[in-house]
Amino acid sequence: MAEGPWAAAGLEVLRHRDFRGDRLERPGTYVVCFAAAWCPVTRRFLPRFSARRAEVDGTLAIADITDLRDPLWEQFAVRITPSIVVFREGVVAARLDGRRLFGISDARWAELAGSMGAQ
């Protein structure tokens, strides 16, 4: 469950050991926010990310890439945090990259969440 800087979000925290190459080692659907604790844009976005839990048919989680040496930066070509990657049965199914200095707008996140609405 949530730890360290992510405790307030109350979401599962994933690390590089939870991935094998570009696959997430988890069954089902996961909506993963790639996040760095030092990023103010990410810290502002996380409450909005976790607030849509009930709207998404899947598990929301955080991939902690606070360490710039974390291999997940390269494995998923993350250039901006936050960025969201949707995994279905471990395989990338959708992606929403943040924009520099802006992150992910409520409208873009709502559109992605709505497309994955709870059944």
PDB file of N, CA and C in Angstrom:
ATOM      1  N   MET A   1       0.845  -1.186   0.000  1.00  0.00           N
ATOM      2  CA  MET A   1       0.000   0.000   0.000  1.00  0.00           C
ATOM      3  C   MET A   1       0.886   1.244   0.000  1.00  0.00           C
ATOM      4  N   ALA A   2       0.277   2.396   0.077  1.00  0.00           N
ATOM      5  CA  ALA A   2       0.991   3.665  -0.009  1.00  0.00           C
ATOM      6  C   ALA A   2       2.044   3.782   1.079  1.00  0.00           C
ATOM      7  N   GLU A   3       3.137   4.401   0.718  1.00  0.00           N
ATOM      8  CA  GLU A   3       4.234   4.581   1.653  1.00  0.00           C
ATOM      9  C   GLU A   3       4.931   5.898   1.365  1.00  0.00           C
ATOM     10  N   GLY A   4       5.703   6.378   2.322  1.00  0.00           N
ATOM     11  CA  GLY A   4       6.492   7.591   2.141  1.00  0.00           C
ATOM     12  C   GLY A   4       5.665   8.754   1.633  1.00  0.00           C
ATOM     13  N   PRO A   5       6.167   9.408   0.596  1.00  0.00           N
ATOM     14  CA  PRO A   5       5.470  10.597   0.100  1.00  0.00           C
ATOM     15  C   PRO A   5       4.103  10.298  -0.513  1.00  0.00           C
ATOM     16  N   TRP A   6       3.827   9.033  -0.749  1.00  0.00           N
ATOM     17  CA  TRP A   6       2.571   8.650  -1.402  1.00  0.00           C
ATOM     18  C   TRP A   6       1.495   8.216  -0.421  1.00  0.00           C
ATOM     19  N   ALA A   7       1.774   8.227   0.860  1.00  0.00           N
ATOM     20  CA  ALA A   7       0.837   7.723   1.867  1.00  0.00           C
ATOM     21  C   ALA A   7      -0.535   8.400   1.790  1.00  0.00           C
ATOM     22  N   ALA A   8      -0.554   9.697   1.563  1.00  0.00           N
ATOM     23  CA  ALA A   8      -1.832  10.427   1.533  1.00  0.00           C
ATOM     24  C   ALA A   8      -2.723   9.967   0.381  1.00  0.00           C
ATOM     25  N   ALA A   9      -2.133   9.478  -0.703  1.00  0.00           N
ATOM     26  CA  ALA A   9      -2.924   9.050  -1.857  1.00  0.00           C
ATOM     27  C   ALA A   9      -3.665   7.745  -1.575  1.00  0.00           C
ATOM     28  N   GLY A  10      -3.148   6.929  -0.680  1.00  0.00           N
ATOM     29  CA  GLY A  10      -3.804   5.667  -0.333  1.00  0.00           C
ATOM     30  C   GLY A  10      -3.853   4.660  -1.462  1.00  0.00           C
ATOM     31  N   LEU A  11      -2.886   4.701  -2.366  1.00  0.00           N
ATOM     32  CA  LEU A  11      -2.852   3.806  -3.519  1.00  0.00           C
ATOM     33  C   LEU A  11      -1.665   2.858  -3.412  1.00  0.00           C
ATOM     34  N   GLU A  12      -1.744   1.733  -4.123  1.00  0.00           N
ATOM     35  CA  GLU A  12      -0.621   0.814  -4.184  1.00  0.00           C
ATOM     36  C   GLU A  12       0.557   1.509  -4.859  1.00  0.00           C
ATOM     37  N   VAL A  13       1.742   1.317  -4.287  1.00  0.00           N
ATOM     38  CA  VAL A  13       2.953   1.905  -4.859  1.00  0.00           C
ATOM     39  C   VAL A  13       3.737   0.798  -5.549  1.00  0.00           C
ATOM     40  N   LEU A  14       4.029   1.001  -6.824  1.00  0.00           N
ATOM     41  CA  LEU A  14       4.779   0.034  -7.620  1.00  0.00           C
ATOM     42  C   LEU A  14       6.228   0.497  -7.757  1.00  0.00           C
ATOM     43  N   ARG A  15       7.129  -0.469  -7.854  1.00  0.00           N
ATOM     44  CA  ARG A  15       8.558  -0.211  -8.046  1.00  0.00           C
ATOM     45  C   ARG A  15       9.010  -0.967  -9.291  1.00  0.00           C
ATOM     46  N   HIS A  16      10.255  -0.724  -9.693  1.00  0.00           N
ATOM     47  CA  HIS A  16      10.746  -1.384 -10.918  1.00  0.00           C
ATOM     48  C   HIS A  16      10.662  -2.898 -10.821  1.00  0.00           C
ATOM     49  N   ARG A  17      10.753  -3.472  -9.616  1.00  0.00           N
ATOM     50  CA  ARG A  17      10.670  -4.941  -9.470  1.00  0.00           C
ATOM     51  C   ARG A  17       9.287  -5.487  -9.812  1.00  0.00           C
ATOM     52  N   ASP A  18       8.276  -4.606  -9.910  1.00  0.00           N
ATOM     53  CA  ASP A  18       6.915  -5.025 -10.248  1.00  0.00           C
ATOM     54  C   ASP A  18       6.691  -5.115 -11.766  1.00  0.00           C
ATOM     55  N   PHE A  19       7.716  -4.797 -12.520  1.00  0.00           N
ATOM     56  CA  PHE A  19       7.632  -4.803 -13.980  1.00  0.00           C
ATOM     57  C   PHE A  19       8.672  -5.762 -14.535  1.00  0.00           C
ATOM     58  N   ARG A  20       8.362  -6.319 -15.681  1.00  0.00           N
ATOM     59  CA  ARG A  20       9.329  -7.120 -16.421  1.00  0.00           C
ATOM     60  C   ARG A  20       9.352  -6.560 -17.835  1.00  0.00           C
ATOM     61  N   GLY A  21      10.417  -5.830 -18.142  1.00  0.00           N
ATOM     62  CA  GLY A  21      10.458  -5.118 -19.421  1.00  0.00           C
ATOM     63  C   GLY A  21       9.340  -4.093 -19.441  1.00  0.00           C
ATOM     64  N   ASP A  22       8.516  -4.147 -20.488  1.00  0.00           N
ATOM     65  CA  ASP A  22       7.408  -3.182 -20.584  1.00  0.00           C
ATOM     66  C   ASP A  22       6.094  -3.774 -20.090  1.00  0.00           C
ATOM     67  N   ARG A  23       6.163  -4.850 -19.309  1.00  0.00           N
ATOM     68  CA  ARG A  23       4.962  -5.503 -18.760  1.00  0.00           C
ATOM     69  C   ARG A  23       4.873  -5.273 -17.255  1.00  0.00           C
ATOM     70  N   LEU A  24       3.660  -5.071 -16.781  1.00  0.00           N
ATOM     71  CA  LEU A  24       3.387  -5.005 -15.358  1.00  0.00           C
ATOM     72  C   LEU A  24       3.071  -6.411 -14.878  1.00  0.00           C
ATOM     73  N   GLU A  25       3.705  -6.841 -13.818  1.00  0.00           N
ATOM     74  CA  GLU A  25       3.507  -8.188 -13.287  1.00  0.00           C
ATOM     75  C   GLU A  25       2.305  -8.216 -12.336  1.00  0.00           C
ATOM     76  N   ARG A  26       1.141  -7.840 -12.840  1.00  0.00           N
ATOM     77  CA  ARG A  26      -0.107  -7.852 -12.077  1.00  0.00           C
ATOM     78  C   ARG A  26      -1.238  -8.261 -13.017  1.00  0.00           C
ATOM     79  N   PRO A  27      -2.182  -9.072 -12.533  1.00  0.00           N
ATOM     80  CA  PRO A  27      -3.342  -9.430 -13.364  1.00  0.00           C
ATOM     81  C   PRO A  27      -4.366  -8.299 -13.372  1.00  0.00           C
ATOM     82  N   GLY A  28      -5.258  -8.339 -14.344  1.00  0.00           N
ATOM     83  CA  GLY A  28      -6.349  -7.370 -14.398  1.00  0.00           C
ATOM     84  C   GLY A  28      -5.921  -6.054 -15.017  1.00  0.00           C
ATOM     85  N   THR A  29      -6.704  -5.027 -14.743  1.00  0.00           N
ATOM     86  CA  THR A  29      -6.452  -3.692 -15.284  1.00  0.00           C
ATOM     87  C   THR A  29      -5.873  -2.801 -14.194  1.00  0.00           C
ATOM     88  N   TYR A  30      -4.753  -2.172 -14.507  1.00  0.00           N
ATOM     89  CA  TYR A  30      -4.105  -1.219 -13.616  1.00  0.00           C
ATOM     90  C   TYR A  30      -3.938   0.099 -14.360  1.00  0.00           C
ATOM     91  N   VAL A  31      -4.294   1.178 -13.691  1.00  0.00           N
ATOM     92  CA  VAL A  31      -4.076   2.524 -14.202  1.00  0.00           C
ATOM     93  C   VAL A  31      -2.973   3.098 -13.330  1.00  0.00           C
ATOM     94  N   VAL A  32      -1.804   3.281 -13.925  1.00  0.00           N
ATOM     95  CA  VAL A  32      -0.603   3.607 -13.159  1.00  0.00           C
ATOM     96  C   VAL A  32      -0.148   5.029 -13.466  1.00  0.00           C
ATOM     97  N   CYS A  33      -0.030   5.815 -12.406  1.00  0.00           N
ATOM     98  CA  CYS A  33       0.505   7.163 -12.516  1.00  0.00           C
ATOM     99  C   CYS A  33       1.997   7.097 -12.215  1.00  0.00           C
ATOM    100  N   PHE A  34       2.833   7.375 -13.208  1.00  0.00           N
ATOM    101  CA  PHE A  34       4.272   7.445 -13.010  1.00  0.00           C
ATOM    102  C   PHE A  34       4.556   8.807 -12.380  1.00  0.00           C
ATOM    103  N   ALA A  35       5.112   8.771 -11.157  1.00  0.00           N
ATOM    104  CA  ALA A  35       5.180   9.977 -10.344  1.00  0.00           C
ATOM    105  C   ALA A  35       6.526  10.118  -9.645  1.00  0.00           C
ATOM    106  N   ALA A  36       6.945  11.368  -9.471  1.00  0.00           N
ATOM    107  CA  ALA A  36       8.166  11.684  -8.735  1.00  0.00           C
ATOM    108  C   ALA A  36       7.807  12.624  -7.585  1.00  0.00           C
ATOM    109  N   ALA A  37       8.240  12.269  -6.383  1.00  0.00           N
ATOM    110  CA  ALA A  37       7.879  13.040  -5.192  1.00  0.00           C
ATOM    111  C   ALA A  37       8.398  14.476  -5.242  1.00  0.00           C
ATOM    112  N   TRP A  38       9.482  14.715  -5.964  1.00  0.00           N
ATOM    113  CA  TRP A  38      10.057  16.056  -6.034  1.00  0.00           C
ATOM    114  C   TRP A  38       9.325  16.963  -7.022  1.00  0.00           C
ATOM    115  N   CYS A  39       8.361  16.438  -7.754  1.00  0.00           N
ATOM    116  CA  CYS A  39       7.664  17.209  -8.798  1.00  0.00           C
ATOM    117  C   CYS A  39       6.405  17.866  -8.227  1.00  0.00           C
ATOM    118  N   PRO A  40       6.363  19.201  -8.166  1.00  0.00           N
ATOM    119  CA  PRO A  40       5.176  19.865  -7.624  1.00  0.00           C
ATOM    120  C   PRO A  40       3.922  19.639  -8.474  1.00  0.00           C
ATOM    121  N   VAL A  41       4.087  19.492  -9.770  1.00  0.00           N
ATOM    122  CA  VAL A  41       2.938  19.246 -10.652  1.00  0.00           C
ATOM    123  C   VAL A  41       2.332  17.880 -10.327  1.00  0.00           C
ATOM    124  N   THR A  42       3.178  16.893 -10.095  1.00  0.00           N
ATOM    125  CA  THR A  42       2.699  15.561  -9.729  1.00  0.00           C
ATOM    126  C   THR A  42       1.991  15.598  -8.380  1.00  0.00           C
ATOM    127  N   ARG A  43       2.569  16.279  -7.413  1.00  0.00           N
ATOM    128  CA  ARG A  43       1.954  16.345  -6.079  1.00  0.00           C
ATOM    129  C   ARG A  43       0.584  17.008  -6.141  1.00  0.00           C
ATOM    130  N   ARG A  44       0.403  17.993  -7.004  1.00  0.00           N
ATOM    131  CA  ARG A  44      -0.918  18.629  -7.165  1.00  0.00           C
ATOM    132  C   ARG A  44      -1.904  17.708  -7.880  1.00  0.00           C
ATOM    133  N   PHE A  45      -1.407  16.878  -8.790  1.00  0.00           N
ATOM    134  CA  PHE A  45      -2.276  16.015  -9.585  1.00  0.00           C
ATOM    135  C   PHE A  45      -2.782  14.793  -8.802  1.00  0.00           C
ATOM    136  N   LEU A  46      -1.982  14.235  -7.924  1.00  0.00           N
ATOM    137  CA  LEU A  46      -2.333  12.962  -7.281  1.00  0.00           C
ATOM    138  C   LEU A  46      -3.692  12.953  -6.574  1.00  0.00           C
ATOM    139  N   PRO A  47      -4.105  14.006  -5.870  1.00  0.00           N
ATOM    140  CA  PRO A  47      -5.457  13.964  -5.288  1.00  0.00           C
ATOM    141  C   PRO A  47      -6.548  13.835  -6.356  1.00  0.00           C
ATOM    142  N   ARG A  48      -6.354  14.469  -7.505  1.00  0.00           N
ATOM    143  CA  ARG A  48      -7.333  14.360  -8.596  1.00  0.00           C
ATOM    144  C   ARG A  48      -7.287  12.971  -9.230  1.00  0.00           C
ATOM    145  N   PHE A  49      -6.100  12.396  -9.301  1.00  0.00           N
ATOM    146  CA  PHE A  49      -5.941  11.033  -9.827  1.00  0.00           C
ATOM    147  C   PHE A  49      -6.694  10.049  -8.941  1.00  0.00           C
ATOM    148  N   SER A  50      -6.433  10.077  -7.645  1.00  0.00           N
ATOM    149  CA  SER A  50      -7.058   9.112  -6.746  1.00  0.00           C
ATOM    150  C   SER A  50      -8.550   9.363  -6.557  1.00  0.00           C
ATOM    151  N   ALA A  51      -9.010  10.583  -6.791  1.00  0.00           N
ATOM    152  CA  ALA A  51     -10.437  10.895  -6.631  1.00  0.00           C
ATOM    153  C   ALA A  51     -11.316  10.173  -7.652  1.00  0.00           C
ATOM    154  N   ARG A  52     -10.759   9.709  -8.745  1.00  0.00           N
ATOM    155  CA  ARG A  52     -11.537   9.040  -9.791  1.00  0.00           C
ATOM    156  C   ARG A  52     -11.558   7.519  -9.633  1.00  0.00           C
ATOM    157  N   ARG A  53     -11.132   7.024  -8.498  1.00  0.00           N
ATOM    158  CA  ARG A  53     -11.096   5.574  -8.243  1.00  0.00           C
ATOM    159  C   ARG A  53     -12.394   4.870  -8.609  1.00  0.00           C
ATOM    160  N   ALA A  54     -13.522   5.431  -8.191  1.00  0.00           N
ATOM    161  CA  ALA A  54     -14.823   4.782  -8.414  1.00  0.00           C
ATOM    162  C   ALA A  54     -15.238   4.806  -9.883  1.00  0.00           C
ATOM    163  N   GLU A  55     -14.642   5.684 -10.665  1.00  0.00           N
ATOM    164  CA  GLU A  55     -15.019   5.821 -12.077  1.00  0.00           C
ATOM    165  C   GLU A  55     -14.262   4.874 -12.992  1.00  0.00           C
ATOM    166  N   VAL A  56     -13.222   4.253 -12.483  1.00  0.00           N
ATOM    167  CA  VAL A  56     -12.334   3.442 -13.308  1.00  0.00           C
ATOM    168  C   VAL A  56     -12.539   1.963 -12.991  1.00  0.00           C
ATOM    169  N   ASP A  57     -12.685   1.169 -14.042  1.00  0.00           N
ATOM    170  CA  ASP A  57     -12.800  -0.278 -13.890  1.00  0.00           C
ATOM    171  C   ASP A  57     -11.395  -0.858 -13.864  1.00  0.00           C
ATOM    172  N   GLY A  58     -10.793  -0.817 -12.704  1.00  0.00           N
ATOM    173  CA  GLY A  58      -9.427  -1.281 -12.544  1.00  0.00           C
ATOM    174  C   GLY A  58      -8.850  -0.716 -11.263  1.00  0.00           C
ATOM    175  N   THR A  59      -7.582  -0.969 -11.059  1.00  0.00           N
ATOM    176  CA  THR A  59      -6.877  -0.541  -9.855  1.00  0.00           C
ATOM    177  C   THR A  59      -6.005   0.658 -10.182  1.00  0.00           C
ATOM    178  N   LEU A  60      -6.128   1.724  -9.403  1.00  0.00           N
ATOM    179  CA  LEU A  60      -5.234   2.864  -9.536  1.00  0.00           C
ATOM    180  C   LEU A  60      -3.985   2.589  -8.707  1.00  0.00           C
ATOM    181  N   ALA A  61      -2.829   2.932  -9.242  1.00  0.00           N
ATOM    182  CA  ALA A  61      -1.568   2.723  -8.532  1.00  0.00           C
ATOM    183  C   ALA A  61      -0.585   3.819  -8.932  1.00  0.00           C
ATOM    184  N   ILE A  62       0.472   3.937  -8.145  1.00  0.00           N
ATOM    185  CA  ILE A  62       1.540   4.892  -8.408  1.00  0.00           C
ATOM    186  C   ILE A  62       2.817   4.115  -8.691  1.00  0.00           C
ATOM    187  N   ALA A  63       3.503   4.447  -9.780  1.00  0.00           N
ATOM    188  CA  ALA A  63       4.844   3.927 -10.036  1.00  0.00           C
ATOM    189  C   ALA A  63       5.801   5.007  -9.552  1.00  0.00           C
ATOM    190  N   ASP A  64       6.500   4.728  -8.470  1.00  0.00           N
ATOM    191  CA  ASP A  64       7.393   5.718  -7.861  1.00  0.00           C
ATOM    192  C   ASP A  64       8.697   5.788  -8.647  1.00  0.00           C
ATOM    193  N   ILE A  65       8.881   6.887  -9.359  1.00  0.00           N
ATOM    194  CA  ILE A  65      10.107   7.100 -10.125  1.00  0.00           C
ATOM    195  C   ILE A  65      10.822   8.357  -9.614  1.00  0.00           C
ATOM    196  N   THR A  66      10.746   8.554  -8.297  1.00  0.00           N
ATOM    197  CA  THR A  66      11.395   9.711  -7.677  1.00  0.00           C
ATOM    198  C   THR A  66      12.884   9.739  -7.959  1.00  0.00           C
ATOM    199  N   ASP A  67      13.524   8.579  -7.940  1.00  0.00           N
ATOM    200  CA  ASP A  67      14.953   8.472  -8.220  1.00  0.00           C
ATOM    201  C   ASP A  67      15.167   8.567  -9.735  1.00  0.00           C
ATOM    202  N   LEU A  68      15.907   9.557 -10.156  1.00  0.00           N
ATOM    203  CA  LEU A  68      16.143   9.753 -11.596  1.00  0.00           C
ATOM    204  C   LEU A  68      16.916   8.597 -12.233  1.00  0.00           C
ATOM    205  N   ARG A  69      17.517   7.739 -11.416  1.00  0.00           N
ATOM    206  CA  ARG A  69      18.224   6.563 -11.938  1.00  0.00           C
ATOM    207  C   ARG A  69      17.316   5.347 -12.037  1.00  0.00           C
ATOM    208  N   ASP A  70      16.063   5.491 -11.634  1.00  0.00           N
ATOM    209  CA  ASP A  70      15.132   4.362 -11.684  1.00  0.00           C
ATOM    210  C   ASP A  70      14.984   3.898 -13.132  1.00  0.00           C
ATOM    211  N   PRO A  71      15.116   2.596 -13.384  1.00  0.00           N
ATOM    212  CA  PRO A  71      15.029   2.095 -14.764  1.00  0.00           C
ATOM    213  C   PRO A  71      13.661   2.307 -15.421  1.00  0.00           C
ATOM    214  N   LEU A  72      12.622   2.559 -14.639  1.00  0.00           N
ATOM    215  CA  LEU A  72      11.291   2.776 -15.237  1.00  0.00           C
ATOM    216  C   LEU A  72      11.250   4.020 -16.116  1.00  0.00           C
ATOM    217  N   TRP A  73      12.087   5.011 -15.823  1.00  0.00           N
ATOM    218  CA  TRP A  73      12.132   6.195 -16.693  1.00  0.00           C
ATOM    219  C   TRP A  73      12.388   5.779 -18.144  1.00  0.00           C
ATOM    220  N   GLU A  74      13.385   4.933 -18.335  1.00  0.00           N
ATOM    221  CA  GLU A  74      13.741   4.493 -19.690  1.00  0.00           C
ATOM    222  C   GLU A  74      12.821   3.392 -20.198  1.00  0.00           C
ATOM    223  N   GLN A  75      12.464   2.436 -19.337  1.00  0.00           N
ATOM    224  CA  GLN A  75      11.606   1.328 -19.771  1.00  0.00           C
ATOM    225  C   GLN A  75      10.310   1.837 -20.398  1.00  0.00           C
ATOM    226  N   PHE A  76       9.761   2.921 -19.853  1.00  0.00           N
ATOM    227  CA  PHE A  76       8.489   3.444 -20.358  1.00  0.00           C
ATOM    228  C   PHE A  76       8.640   4.813 -21.014  1.00  0.00           C
ATOM    229  N   ALA A  77       9.864   5.199 -21.322  1.00  0.00           N
ATOM    230  CA  ALA A  77      10.144   6.473 -21.995  1.00  0.00           C
ATOM    231  C   ALA A  77       9.382   7.631 -21.344  1.00  0.00           C
ATOM    232  N   VAL A  78       9.436   7.675 -20.012  1.00  0.00           N
ATOM    233  CA  VAL A  78       8.774   8.764 -19.291  1.00  0.00           C
ATOM    234  C   VAL A  78       9.653  10.008 -19.400  1.00  0.00           C
ATOM    235  N   ARG A  79       9.062  11.073 -19.874  1.00  0.00           N
ATOM    236  CA  ARG A  79       9.783  12.348 -20.010  1.00  0.00           C
ATOM    237  C   ARG A  79       9.214  13.414 -19.084  1.00  0.00           C
ATOM    238  N   ILE A  80       7.962  13.251 -18.696  1.00  0.00           N
ATOM    239  CA  ILE A  80       7.258  14.222 -17.853  1.00  0.00           C
ATOM    240  C   ILE A  80       6.480  13.460 -16.790  1.00  0.00           C
ATOM    241  N   THR A  81       6.510  13.966 -15.556  1.00  0.00           N
ATOM    242  CA  THR A  81       5.621  13.427 -14.534  1.00  0.00           C
ATOM    243  C   THR A  81       4.617  14.515 -14.181  1.00  0.00           C
ATOM    244  N   PRO A  82       3.381  14.132 -13.968  1.00  0.00           N
ATOM    245  CA  PRO A  82       2.875  12.771 -14.020  1.00  0.00           C
ATOM    246  C   PRO A  82       2.610  12.313 -15.451  1.00  0.00           C
ATOM    247  N   SER A  83       2.694  11.030 -15.661  1.00  0.00           N
ATOM    248  CA  SER A  83       2.240  10.372 -16.884  1.00  0.00           C
ATOM    249  C   SER A  83       1.466   9.132 -16.448  1.00  0.00           C
ATOM    250  N   ILE A  84       0.419   8.803 -17.188  1.00  0.00           N
ATOM    251  CA  ILE A  84      -0.435   7.671 -16.830  1.00  0.00           C
ATOM    252  C   ILE A  84      -0.328   6.595 -17.901  1.00  0.00           C
ATOM    253  N   VAL A  85      -0.150   5.347 -17.463  1.00  0.00           N
ATOM    254  CA  VAL A  85      -0.138   4.210 -18.373  1.00  0.00           C
ATOM    255  C   VAL A  85      -1.180   3.209 -17.871  1.00  0.00           C
ATOM    256  N   VAL A  86      -2.025   2.746 -18.793  1.00  0.00           N
ATOM    257  CA  VAL A  86      -3.042   1.753 -18.477  1.00  0.00           C
ATOM    258  C   VAL A  86      -2.523   0.395 -18.930  1.00  0.00           C
ATOM    259  N   PHE A  87      -2.554  -0.567 -18.017  1.00  0.00           N
ATOM    260  CA  PHE A  87      -2.130  -1.938 -18.309  1.00  0.00           C
ATOM    261  C   PHE A  87      -3.337  -2.854 -18.199  1.00  0.00           C
ATOM    262  N   ARG A  88      -3.531  -3.700 -19.200  1.00  0.00           N
ATOM    263  CA  ARG A  88      -4.550  -4.747 -19.151  1.00  0.00           C
ATOM    264  C   ARG A  88      -3.817  -6.077 -19.232  1.00  0.00           C
ATOM    265  N   GLU A  89      -3.989  -6.880 -18.186  1.00  0.00           N
ATOM    266  CA  GLU A  89      -3.273  -8.164 -18.072  1.00  0.00           C
ATOM    267  C   GLU A  89      -1.776  -7.971 -18.316  1.00  0.00           C
ATOM    268  N   GLY A  90      -1.238  -6.887 -17.775  1.00  0.00           N
ATOM    269  CA  GLY A  90       0.193  -6.628 -17.827  1.00  0.00           C
ATOM    270  C   GLY A  90       0.698  -5.894 -19.048  1.00  0.00           C
ATOM    271  N   VAL A  91      -0.141  -5.740 -20.079  1.00  0.00           N
ATOM    272  CA  VAL A  91       0.275  -5.146 -21.343  1.00  0.00           C
ATOM    273  C   VAL A  91      -0.237  -3.703 -21.430  1.00  0.00           C
ATOM    274  N   VAL A  92       0.595  -2.811 -21.951  1.00  0.00           N
ATOM    275  CA  VAL A  92       0.198  -1.412 -22.119  1.00  0.00           C
ATOM    276  C   VAL A  92      -0.994  -1.334 -23.069  1.00  0.00           C
ATOM    277  N   ALA A  93      -2.078  -0.684 -22.594  1.00  0.00           N
ATOM    278  CA  ALA A  93      -3.296  -0.549 -23.396  1.00  0.00           C
ATOM    279  C   ALA A  93      -3.590   0.899 -23.756  1.00  0.00           C
ATOM    280  N   ALA A  94      -3.102   1.830 -22.971  1.00  0.00           N
ATOM    281  CA  ALA A  94      -3.329   3.256 -23.234  1.00  0.00           C
ATOM    282  C   ALA A  94      -2.283   4.043 -22.468  1.00  0.00           C
ATOM    283  N   ARG A  95      -2.120   5.285 -22.890  1.00  0.00           N
ATOM    284  CA  ARG A  95      -1.119   6.137 -22.253  1.00  0.00           C
ATOM    285  C   ARG A  95      -1.560   7.589 -22.346  1.00  0.00           C
ATOM    286  N   LEU A  96      -1.269   8.328 -21.284  1.00  0.00           N
ATOM    287  CA  LEU A  96      -1.576   9.759 -21.236  1.00  0.00           C
ATOM    288  C   LEU A  96      -0.371  10.445 -20.601  1.00  0.00           C
ATOM    289  N   ASP A  97       0.402  11.141 -21.426  1.00  0.00           N
ATOM    290  CA  ASP A  97       1.599  11.808 -20.924  1.00  0.00           C
ATOM    291  C   ASP A  97       1.284  13.217 -20.466  1.00  0.00           C
ATOM    292  N   GLY A  98       1.924  13.595 -19.354  1.00  0.00           N
ATOM    293  CA  GLY A  98       1.798  14.961 -18.876  1.00  0.00           C
ATOM    294  C   GLY A  98       2.492  15.935 -19.819  1.00  0.00           C
ATOM    295  N   ARG A  99       2.165  17.190 -19.646  1.00  0.00           N
ATOM    296  CA  ARG A  99       2.816  18.245 -20.437  1.00  0.00           C
ATOM    297  C   ARG A  99       3.727  19.042 -19.508  1.00  0.00           C
ATOM    298  N   ARG A 100       4.861  19.439 -20.013  1.00  0.00           N
ATOM    299  CA  ARG A 100       5.854  20.166 -19.221  1.00  0.00           C
ATOM    300  C   ARG A 100       5.224  21.360 -18.509  1.00  0.00           C
ATOM    301  N   LEU A 101       5.478  21.462 -17.232  1.00  0.00           N
ATOM    302  CA  LEU A 101       5.020  22.540 -16.345  1.00  0.00           C
ATOM    303  C   LEU A 101       3.513  22.578 -16.134  1.00  0.00           C
ATOM    304  N   PHE A 102       2.793  21.673 -16.772  1.00  0.00           N
ATOM    305  CA  PHE A 102       1.332  21.672 -16.667  1.00  0.00           C
ATOM    306  C   PHE A 102       0.798  20.343 -16.151  1.00  0.00           C
ATOM    307  N   GLY A 103       1.441  19.260 -16.507  1.00  0.00           N
ATOM    308  CA  GLY A 103       0.977  17.946 -16.081  1.00  0.00           C
ATOM    309  C   GLY A 103      -0.165  17.436 -16.938  1.00  0.00           C
ATOM    310  N   ILE A 104      -1.185  16.904 -16.285  1.00  0.00           N
ATOM    311  CA  ILE A 104      -2.348  16.337 -16.961  1.00  0.00           C
ATOM    312  C   ILE A 104      -3.570  17.127 -16.529  1.00  0.00           C
ATOM    313  N   SER A 105      -4.290  17.647 -17.489  1.00  0.00           N
ATOM    314  CA  SER A 105      -5.468  18.456 -17.164  1.00  0.00           C
ATOM    315  C   SER A 105      -6.596  17.566 -16.641  1.00  0.00           C
ATOM    316  N   ASP A 106      -7.484  18.177 -15.883  1.00  0.00           N
ATOM    317  CA  ASP A 106      -8.656  17.445 -15.385  1.00  0.00           C
ATOM    318  C   ASP A 106      -9.466  16.883 -16.549  1.00  0.00           C
ATOM    319  N   ALA A 107      -9.570  17.649 -17.627  1.00  0.00           N
ATOM    320  CA  ALA A 107     -10.367  17.206 -18.777  1.00  0.00           C
ATOM    321  C   ALA A 107      -9.751  15.970 -19.427  1.00  0.00           C
ATOM    322  N   ARG A 108      -8.422  15.956 -19.604  1.00  0.00           N
ATOM    323  CA  ARG A 108      -7.767  14.797 -20.226  1.00  0.00           C
ATOM    324  C   ARG A 108      -7.862  13.566 -19.330  1.00  0.00           C
ATOM    325  N   TRP A 109      -7.693  13.747 -18.014  1.00  0.00           N
ATOM    326  CA  TRP A 109      -7.788  12.633 -17.085  1.00  0.00           C
ATOM    327  C   TRP A 109      -9.225  12.128 -17.018  1.00  0.00           C
ATOM    328  N   ALA A 110     -10.206  13.036 -17.012  1.00  0.00           N
ATOM    329  CA  ALA A 110     -11.610  12.632 -16.986  1.00  0.00           C
ATOM    330  C   ALA A 110     -11.962  11.848 -18.252  1.00  0.00           C
ATOM    331  N   GLU A 111     -11.436  12.258 -19.384  1.00  0.00           N
ATOM    332  CA  GLU A 111     -11.705  11.546 -20.641  1.00  0.00           C
ATOM    333  C   GLU A 111     -11.152  10.120 -20.594  1.00  0.00           C
ATOM    334  N   LEU A 112      -9.922   9.974 -20.116  1.00  0.00           N
ATOM    335  CA  LEU A 112      -9.328   8.627 -20.020  1.00  0.00           C
ATOM    336  C   LEU A 112     -10.103   7.787 -18.998  1.00  0.00           C
ATOM    337  N   ALA A 113     -10.373   8.359 -17.839  1.00  0.00           N
ATOM    338  CA  ALA A 113     -11.118   7.619 -16.810  1.00  0.00           C
ATOM    339  C   ALA A 113     -12.491   7.229 -17.305  1.00  0.00           C
ATOM    340  N   GLY A 114     -13.162   8.137 -18.007  1.00  0.00           N
ATOM    341  CA  GLY A 114     -14.493   7.862 -18.543  1.00  0.00           C
ATOM    342  C   GLY A 114     -14.475   6.750 -19.572  1.00  0.00           C
ATOM    343  N   SER A 115     -13.402   6.667 -20.345  1.00  0.00           N
ATOM    344  CA  SER A 115     -13.296   5.606 -21.356  1.00  0.00           C
ATOM    345  C   SER A 115     -13.098   4.242 -20.717  1.00  0.00           C
ATOM    346  N   MET A 116     -12.758   4.224 -19.435  1.00  0.00           N
ATOM    347  CA  MET A 116     -12.536   2.978 -18.714  1.00  0.00           C
ATOM    348  C   MET A 116     -13.572   2.817 -17.610  1.00  0.00           C
ATOM    349  N   GLY A 117     -14.699   3.440 -17.759  1.00  0.00           N
ATOM    350  CA  GLY A 117     -15.713   3.478 -16.714  1.00  0.00           C
ATOM    351  C   GLY A 117     -15.990   2.161 -16.044  1.00  0.00           C
ATOM    352  N   ALA A 118     -16.315   2.252 -14.760  1.00  0.00           N
ATOM    353  CA  ALA A 118     -16.644   1.057 -13.987  1.00  0.00           C
ATOM    354  C   ALA A 118     -17.892   0.403 -14.584  1.00  0.00           C
ATOM    355  N   GLN A 119     -17.873  -0.909 -14.633  1.00  0.00           N
ATOM    356  CA  GLN A 119     -18.976  -1.655 -15.244  1.00  0.00           C
ATOM    357  C   GLN A 119     -20.118  -1.814 -14.286  1.00  0.00           C
TER     358      GLN A 119
END
